[in-house]
Amino acid sequence: MRVGAPEGMATSILANCAAELCEEHPKLELQIVAMPRTFSLSKREADIAIAVSAPTSGRLKFRKISDYTLHLYGTKEYLDTHPEVNEISDLKRIRGIGYVSDLIYDKELDYIPLVSPDIKPYLTSSSVHVQLEATLANGGVCILHDFIAKKYPQFQKVLPDEISFTRTFWYIVHEDYAKLQRIKVVSDKIIEHIRKRLKQD
């Protein structure tokens, strides 16, 4: 069975869930496709998809899994050795890290214009984990999932009251597969695991 999911979700949450599923169901063959893209269930690119936007067309069934939050982060070392940030306009004085704008596959991930149209990131990647590693390497500040950032004690939130985003993970399956027992077993486990994990954050 193939599950498509955003990269940050797949590596930080779904990988643990997949390990538990394989332990509970030894004959289960499970593929986790973690890529910065959307998945076509009608073309059978995945049996199940986790997405940050609900589908608007197609023979698909979907439901909300859970909300999650994001904030702007930098390491304490970076923030201590660069100009102080007290308001949004100060962000122009430090390096921003973010997505390559023309490769953003979902409008829900286009955060920076919502912070300020005057801010432009100067270190960009299509991969959230490249962004994460660049931030850990004191490359600048970056908008990151709270469920990812909490693993790193060196991170500090920057302007948390002014820069805060809430997004949603959605479960999506093609209606032809929705009632299959194997799909239901895997889906229920994934949804339960994600909700439990995000509730802890």
Foldseek 3Di string as FASTA:
>chain_A
DEEEEEQVCCVLFVVVLVVVVCVVPVPDDYHYHHDQADDDVVVPSGQKYKDQDDDDDDQKDKDFLDKFKKFKKAFPVLCVPFDHDDDLVCLQRWAEEEAPVVSRHDPLRVQPVVLPVPDDHPHHYSHVVVSVVCRVVSNTMYIDTPLVCVVDPRMDGDPRVSGMDMTTIMMMGRPVCPPPPVCVVSVVSSSVRVNVSRVVD
